[in-house]
């Protein structure tokens, strides 16, 4: 009822609200992961800049943008409680326009992916499938934080990394690339758990079983920290095994700084989870890039 009331107060499509639905601020993680995949592949960019630009656009504005529109459409009732100012519950994107926009953007994404090659098309199709399954019934993976956060982590980190490396090199990446992409995907599960703290009130009210709802804020924050830290420790171990010691030291420094930030965040998980997402996560993604350069310059050279 609240959603209906909010919509009726602001009728009519506001065109800029469609851009807001795409949430440009969320495009950074998959675009960054795609860049890491390009670096780690070891392949030359010469004569392939069209692919680089197209792939980054596909990872961010198109595929990630689609996932945001899909999520906002199927979460419109939750958002009416948590964030009623968002485009759909506020009425700035009225009726079923949000749903049709999600379908259109999915089609555009597939068309661009097909133009970039079979590896990109295959990975993008899987990413879109997970994006719709995350938000839409009957799967609605987001109703359980264990499954939903895993799907987001894979789409945000692993798939873009794998896609870029496979497409640029023209073959299935080596186990080294696949392993690092999967490890950073697993760590992103913890990042998404911390991101769920901002919707804790509405999730409790509407039965969304995020980890903060299932475990409570304190336990969920501890689980998130472990899930973020352990894969990075595994990355450090692999870099040492590959004798990429300067890169292992750089990633290790980033992990140490994250642990210090985690210690502060655990004092007040509900209040400080957004702060950690703005500080610790930056160290996390910098470690991704360092690891990608380690593969390019030391391991696969």
Protein backbone atom coordinates (compact mmCIF):
# COMPACT_ATOMS: atom_id res chain seq x y z
CA UNK A 1 0.00 0.00 0.00
CA UNK A 2 2.86 2.36 0.76
CA UNK A 3 4.35 1.81 -2.71
CA UNK A 4 1.03 2.66 -4.37
CA UNK A 5 0.68 5.83 -2.32
CA UNK A 6 4.17 6.99 -3.16
CA UNK A 7 3.68 6.34 -6.90
CA UNK A 8 0.42 8.22 -7.07
CA UNK A 9 2.07 11.26 -5.57
CA UNK A 10 4.50 11.57 -8.49
CA UNK A 11 2.90 10.29 -11.74
CA UNK A 12 4.56 10.27 -15.15
CA UNK A 13 7.90 9.01 -16.45
CA UNK A 14 10.92 11.13 -15.60
CA UNK A 15 13.53 10.27 -18.31
CA UNK A 16 16.54 10.82 -16.04
CA UNK A 17 15.05 8.26 -13.68
CA UNK A 18 15.89 5.56 -16.25
CA UNK A 19 19.57 6.43 -15.90
CA UNK A 20 19.14 6.37 -12.14
CA UNK A 21 17.68 2.87 -12.46
CA UNK A 22 20.92 1.73 -14.12
CA UNK A 23 22.85 2.90 -11.01
CA UNK A 24 26.15 4.02 -12.60
CA UNK A 25 27.91 3.82 -9.24
CA UNK A 26 27.51 0.00 -9.32
CA UNK A 27 29.24 -0.40 -12.67
CA UNK A 28 32.73 -0.07 -11.22
CA UNK A 29 33.25 -3.64 -9.84
CA UNK A 30 32.52 -5.60 -13.06
CA UNK A 31 34.32 -3.03 -15.22
CA UNK A 32 37.34 -3.28 -12.94
CA UNK A 33 37.19 -7.10 -13.01
CA UNK A 34 37.00 -7.03 -16.81
CA UNK A 35 40.11 -4.85 -16.81
CA UNK A 36 41.85 -7.34 -14.52
CA UNK A 37 40.98 -10.10 -16.97
CA UNK A 38 42.47 -8.10 -19.84
CA UNK A 39 45.69 -7.57 -17.89
CA UNK A 40 45.99 -11.16 -16.68
CA UNK A 41 45.50 -12.68 -20.15
CA UNK A 42 48.97 -11.59 -21.24
CA UNK A 43 47.61 -10.87 -24.72
CA UNK A 44 48.38 -7.68 -26.61
CA UNK A 45 45.77 -4.94 -26.88
CA UNK A 46 47.19 -3.73 -30.19
CA UNK A 47 44.45 -3.48 -32.78
CA UNK A 48 41.88 -4.62 -30.22
CA UNK A 49 40.93 -1.36 -28.55
CA UNK A 50 37.42 -1.67 -29.95
CA UNK A 51 37.10 -4.90 -27.98
CA UNK A 52 38.48 -3.33 -24.81
CA UNK A 53 36.07 -0.40 -24.94
CA UNK A 54 33.11 -2.57 -25.96
CA UNK A 55 33.83 -5.14 -23.25
CA UNK A 56 34.08 -2.55 -20.50
CA UNK A 57 30.81 -0.98 -21.67
CA UNK A 58 29.20 -4.42 -21.72
CA UNK A 59 30.41 -5.28 -18.21
CA UNK A 60 29.26 -1.97 -16.71
CA UNK A 61 26.42 0.04 -18.29
CA UNK A 62 24.86 -2.93 -20.07
CA UNK A 63 25.09 -6.14 -18.03
CA UNK A 64 25.49 -4.58 -14.59
CA UNK A 65 22.96 -1.91 -15.53
CA UNK A 66 20.49 -4.60 -16.55
CA UNK A 67 20.92 -6.41 -13.24
CA UNK A 68 20.15 -3.18 -11.38
CA UNK A 69 16.96 -2.52 -13.34
CA UNK A 70 15.79 -6.11 -12.88
CA UNK A 71 16.50 -5.91 -9.16
CA UNK A 72 14.69 -2.60 -8.74
CA UNK A 73 11.62 -3.89 -10.55
CA UNK A 74 11.26 -7.05 -8.50
CA UNK A 75 12.27 -5.23 -5.29
CA UNK A 76 9.87 -2.34 -5.72
CA UNK A 77 7.80 -3.39 -2.69
CA UNK A 78 10.91 -3.77 -0.52
CA UNK A 79 12.20 -0.39 -1.73
CA UNK A 80 8.90 1.22 -0.82
CA UNK A 81 9.89 0.47 2.79
CA UNK A 82 13.69 0.87 2.65
CA UNK A 83 14.15 3.58 0.00
CA UNK A 84 10.83 5.00 -1.20
CA UNK A 85 12.66 7.74 -3.10
CA UNK A 86 13.94 5.25 -5.71
CA UNK A 87 12.62 5.66 -9.27
CA UNK A 88 9.98 2.92 -9.27
CA UNK A 89 8.37 3.26 -5.81
CA UNK A 90 8.49 7.06 -6.13
CA UNK A 91 6.49 6.89 -9.38
CA UNK A 92 9.18 8.52 -11.53
CA UNK A 93 9.24 5.25 -13.53
CA UNK A 94 5.53 4.38 -13.45
CA UNK A 95 3.53 1.33 -14.41
CA UNK A 96 5.44 -1.55 -16.03
CA UNK A 97 8.04 0.64 -17.71
CA UNK A 98 10.72 -0.67 -15.34
CA UNK A 99 10.07 -4.26 -16.44
CA UNK A 100 10.09 -3.39 -20.16
CA UNK A 101 13.29 -1.42 -19.69
CA UNK A 102 14.92 -4.47 -18.06
CA UNK A 103 13.89 -6.67 -21.01
CA UNK A 104 15.12 -4.13 -23.57
CA UNK A 105 18.48 -3.67 -21.83
CA UNK A 106 18.90 -7.46 -21.65
CA UNK A 107 18.38 -7.70 -25.41
CA UNK A 108 20.87 -4.89 -26.10
CA UNK A 109 23.42 -6.60 -23.84
CA UNK A 110 23.10 -9.89 -25.70
CA UNK A 111 23.47 -8.15 -29.07
CA UNK A 112 26.66 -6.38 -28.00
CA UNK A 113 28.03 -9.58 -26.44
CA UNK A 114 27.43 -11.50 -29.66
CA UNK A 115 29.33 -8.84 -31.61
CA UNK A 116 32.33 -9.31 -29.29
CA UNK A 117 32.66 -13.04 -29.83
CA UNK A 118 31.50 -16.45 -28.67
CA UNK A 119 33.31 -16.38 -25.30
CA UNK A 120 31.76 -13.03 -24.45
CA UNK A 121 28.33 -14.19 -25.57
CA UNK A 122 28.50 -17.38 -23.49
CA UNK A 123 29.67 -15.64 -20.31
CA UNK A 124 27.24 -12.74 -20.77
CA UNK A 125 24.33 -15.13 -21.23
CA UNK A 126 25.23 -16.87 -17.97
CA UNK A 127 25.56 -13.49 -16.25
CA UNK A 128 22.13 -12.38 -17.44
CA UNK A 129 20.60 -15.67 -16.37
CA UNK A 130 22.02 -15.20 -12.87
CA UNK A 131 20.93 -11.55 -12.79
CA UNK A 132 17.32 -12.47 -13.50
CA UNK A 133 17.45 -15.51 -11.19
CA UNK A 134 18.80 -13.33 -8.39
CA UNK A 135 15.81 -11.00 -8.40
CA UNK A 136 12.93 -12.66 -10.25
CA UNK A 137 10.65 -15.47 -9.12
CA UNK A 138 10.55 -18.40 -8.99
CA UNK A 139 14.30 -18.59 -8.23
CA UNK A 140 14.70 -15.20 -6.52
CA UNK A 141 18.10 -16.17 -5.16
CA UNK A 142 18.34 -12.98 -3.14
CA UNK A 143 15.76 -14.32 -0.68
CA UNK A 144 18.63 -16.33 0.79
CA UNK A 145 21.88 -14.46 1.39
CA UNK A 146 24.05 -17.55 0.93
CA UNK A 147 22.88 -18.16 -2.64
CA UNK A 148 22.16 -14.60 -3.68
CA UNK A 149 25.48 -13.13 -2.61
CA UNK A 150 27.30 -15.98 -4.33
CA UNK A 151 25.55 -15.21 -7.60
CA UNK A 152 26.38 -11.50 -7.33
CA UNK A 153 30.01 -12.18 -6.46
CA UNK A 154 30.41 -14.42 -9.49
CA UNK A 155 28.77 -11.88 -11.82
CA UNK A 156 30.67 -8.90 -10.42
CA UNK A 157 34.16 -10.42 -10.28
CA UNK A 158 34.65 -13.90 -11.72
CA UNK A 159 32.66 -13.78 -14.95
CA UNK A 160 34.00 -10.42 -16.20
CA UNK A 161 37.58 -11.49 -15.38
CA UNK A 162 37.18 -14.85 -17.13
CA UNK A 163 35.37 -13.30 -20.10
CA UNK A 164 38.05 -10.72 -20.80
CA UNK A 165 40.91 -13.19 -20.47
CA UNK A 166 39.23 -15.81 -22.65
CA UNK A 167 38.07 -13.43 -25.36
CA UNK A 168 41.33 -11.49 -25.67
CA UNK A 169 43.48 -14.63 -25.78
CA UNK A 170 41.00 -16.52 -27.96
CA UNK A 171 41.11 -19.67 -25.84
CA UNK A 172 40.17 -21.11 -22.46
CA UNK A 173 42.32 -19.35 -19.84
CA UNK A 174 44.80 -21.35 -17.82
CA UNK A 175 43.96 -22.67 -14.37
CA UNK A 176 45.90 -19.82 -12.79
CA UNK A 177 43.55 -17.19 -14.20
CA UNK A 178 40.43 -19.20 -13.47
CA UNK A 179 41.53 -19.88 -9.90
CA UNK A 180 42.21 -16.23 -9.06
CA UNK A 181 38.93 -15.14 -10.67
CA UNK A 182 37.02 -17.69 -8.57
CA UNK A 183 38.83 -16.74 -5.36
CA UNK A 184 38.02 -13.06 -5.78
CA UNK A 185 34.41 -14.01 -6.63
CA UNK A 186 34.20 -15.91 -3.36
CA UNK A 187 35.58 -12.97 -1.42
CA UNK A 188 32.98 -10.70 -3.01
CA UNK A 189 30.33 -12.77 -1.21
CA UNK A 190 31.48 -11.08 1.99
CA UNK A 191 31.34 -7.64 0.38
CA UNK A 192 27.73 -8.25 -0.60
CA UNK A 193 26.89 -9.35 2.94
CA UNK A 194 28.08 -6.00 4.25
CA UNK A 195 26.11 -4.27 1.50
CA UNK A 196 22.95 -5.97 2.83
CA UNK A 197 23.15 -4.04 6.10
CA UNK A 198 21.59 -0.96 4.51
CA UNK A 199 18.36 -2.90 3.78
CA UNK A 200 18.14 -4.69 7.11
CA UNK A 201 14.84 -3.09 8.19
CA UNK A 202 12.95 -3.86 4.99
CA UNK A 203 14.47 -7.33 4.62
CA UNK A 204 13.25 -8.31 8.08
CA UNK A 205 9.79 -6.94 7.38
CA UNK A 206 9.35 -8.61 4.00
CA UNK A 207 11.05 -11.96 4.59
CA UNK A 208 14.29 -11.46 2.64
CA UNK A 209 16.72 -13.81 4.43
CA UNK A 210 19.95 -11.86 3.97
CA UNK A 211 22.80 -12.95 6.20
CA UNK A 212 22.34 -9.97 8.57
CA UNK A 213 18.73 -11.16 8.98
CA UNK A 214 19.62 -14.85 9.35
CA UNK A 215 22.65 -14.50 11.61
CA UNK A 216 22.16 -11.11 13.22
CA UNK A 217 24.35 -8.09 12.45
CA UNK A 218 27.31 -9.08 14.62
CA UNK A 219 27.66 -12.67 13.41
CA UNK A 220 26.96 -11.71 9.79
CA UNK A 221 29.73 -9.09 9.90
CA UNK A 222 32.20 -11.63 11.28
CA UNK A 223 31.26 -14.16 8.59
CA UNK A 224 31.66 -11.47 5.94
CA UNK A 225 35.14 -10.62 7.20
CA UNK A 226 36.25 -14.24 7.13
CA UNK A 227 34.77 -14.76 3.66
CA UNK A 228 36.62 -11.70 2.36
CA UNK A 229 39.93 -12.49 4.04
CA UNK A 230 40.42 -16.22 3.43
CA UNK A 231 40.32 -16.13 -0.39
CA UNK A 232 42.83 -13.29 -0.38
CA UNK A 233 45.13 -15.30 1.87
CA UNK A 234 44.83 -18.12 -0.65
CA UNK A 235 45.80 -15.67 -3.42
CA UNK A 236 48.86 -14.64 -1.43
CA UNK A 237 49.78 -18.30 -1.00
CA UNK A 238 49.52 -18.90 -4.74
CA UNK A 239 51.63 -15.84 -5.54
CA UNK A 240 54.32 -17.10 -3.16
CA UNK A 241 54.11 -20.55 -4.76
CA UNK A 242 54.54 -18.95 -8.18
CA UNK A 243 57.52 -16.98 -6.78
CA UNK A 244 55.84 -13.65 -7.54
CA UNK A 245 57.06 -12.38 -4.18
CA UNK A 246 56.81 -8.58 -4.67
CA UNK A 247 53.20 -9.01 -5.81
CA UNK A 248 52.47 -11.30 -2.85
CA UNK A 249 53.87 -8.65 -0.51
CA UNK A 250 51.71 -5.95 -2.10
CA UNK A 251 48.53 -8.02 -1.79
CA UNK A 252 49.51 -8.97 1.76
CA UNK A 253 49.88 -5.31 2.72
CA UNK A 254 46.39 -4.64 1.39
CA UNK A 255 44.98 -7.56 3.38
CA UNK A 256 46.67 -6.32 6.56
CA UNK A 257 45.11 -2.89 6.12
CA UNK A 258 41.74 -4.52 5.50
CA UNK A 259 42.06 -6.50 8.73
CA UNK A 260 42.65 -3.27 10.63
CA UNK A 261 39.56 -1.74 9.00
CA UNK A 262 37.55 -4.88 9.76
CA UNK A 263 38.51 -4.63 13.41
CA UNK A 264 37.07 -1.13 13.55
CA UNK A 265 33.96 -2.09 11.60
CA UNK A 266 33.16 -5.02 13.92
CA UNK A 267 32.71 -2.60 16.84
CA UNK A 268 29.50 -1.34 15.20
CA UNK A 269 28.60 -3.43 12.13
CA UNK A 270 25.29 -1.72 11.40
CA UNK A 271 26.77 1.75 11.60
CA UNK A 272 30.17 1.10 10.03
CA UNK A 273 29.42 -1.43 7.25
CA UNK A 274 28.90 1.43 4.72
CA UNK A 275 32.20 2.98 5.84
CA UNK A 276 34.00 -0.31 5.29
CA UNK A 277 32.48 -0.67 1.82
CA UNK A 278 34.07 2.67 0.96
CA UNK A 279 37.52 1.86 2.37
CA UNK A 280 38.25 -1.84 2.73
CA UNK A 281 36.67 -2.74 -0.60
CA UNK A 282 39.02 -0.36 -2.43
CA UNK A 283 41.97 -2.27 -0.96
CA UNK A 284 40.32 -5.51 -2.06
CA UNK A 285 39.99 -4.47 -5.70
CA UNK A 286 43.50 -3.03 -5.77
CA UNK A 287 44.69 -6.49 -4.75
CA UNK A 288 42.80 -7.91 -7.72
CA UNK A 289 44.72 -5.67 -10.11
CA UNK A 290 48.05 -6.46 -8.46
CA UNK A 291 47.29 -10.18 -8.85
CA UNK A 292 46.39 -9.68 -12.50
CA UNK A 293 49.72 -7.97 -13.15
CA UNK A 294 51.48 -10.80 -11.33
CA UNK A 295 49.95 -13.27 -13.77
CA UNK A 296 50.89 -11.14 -16.77
CA UNK A 297 54.43 -10.21 -15.74
CA UNK A 298 55.65 -13.16 -13.68
CA UNK A 299 53.51 -16.29 -13.77
CA UNK A 300 52.41 -16.54 -17.42
CA UNK A 301 55.21 -14.50 -19.01
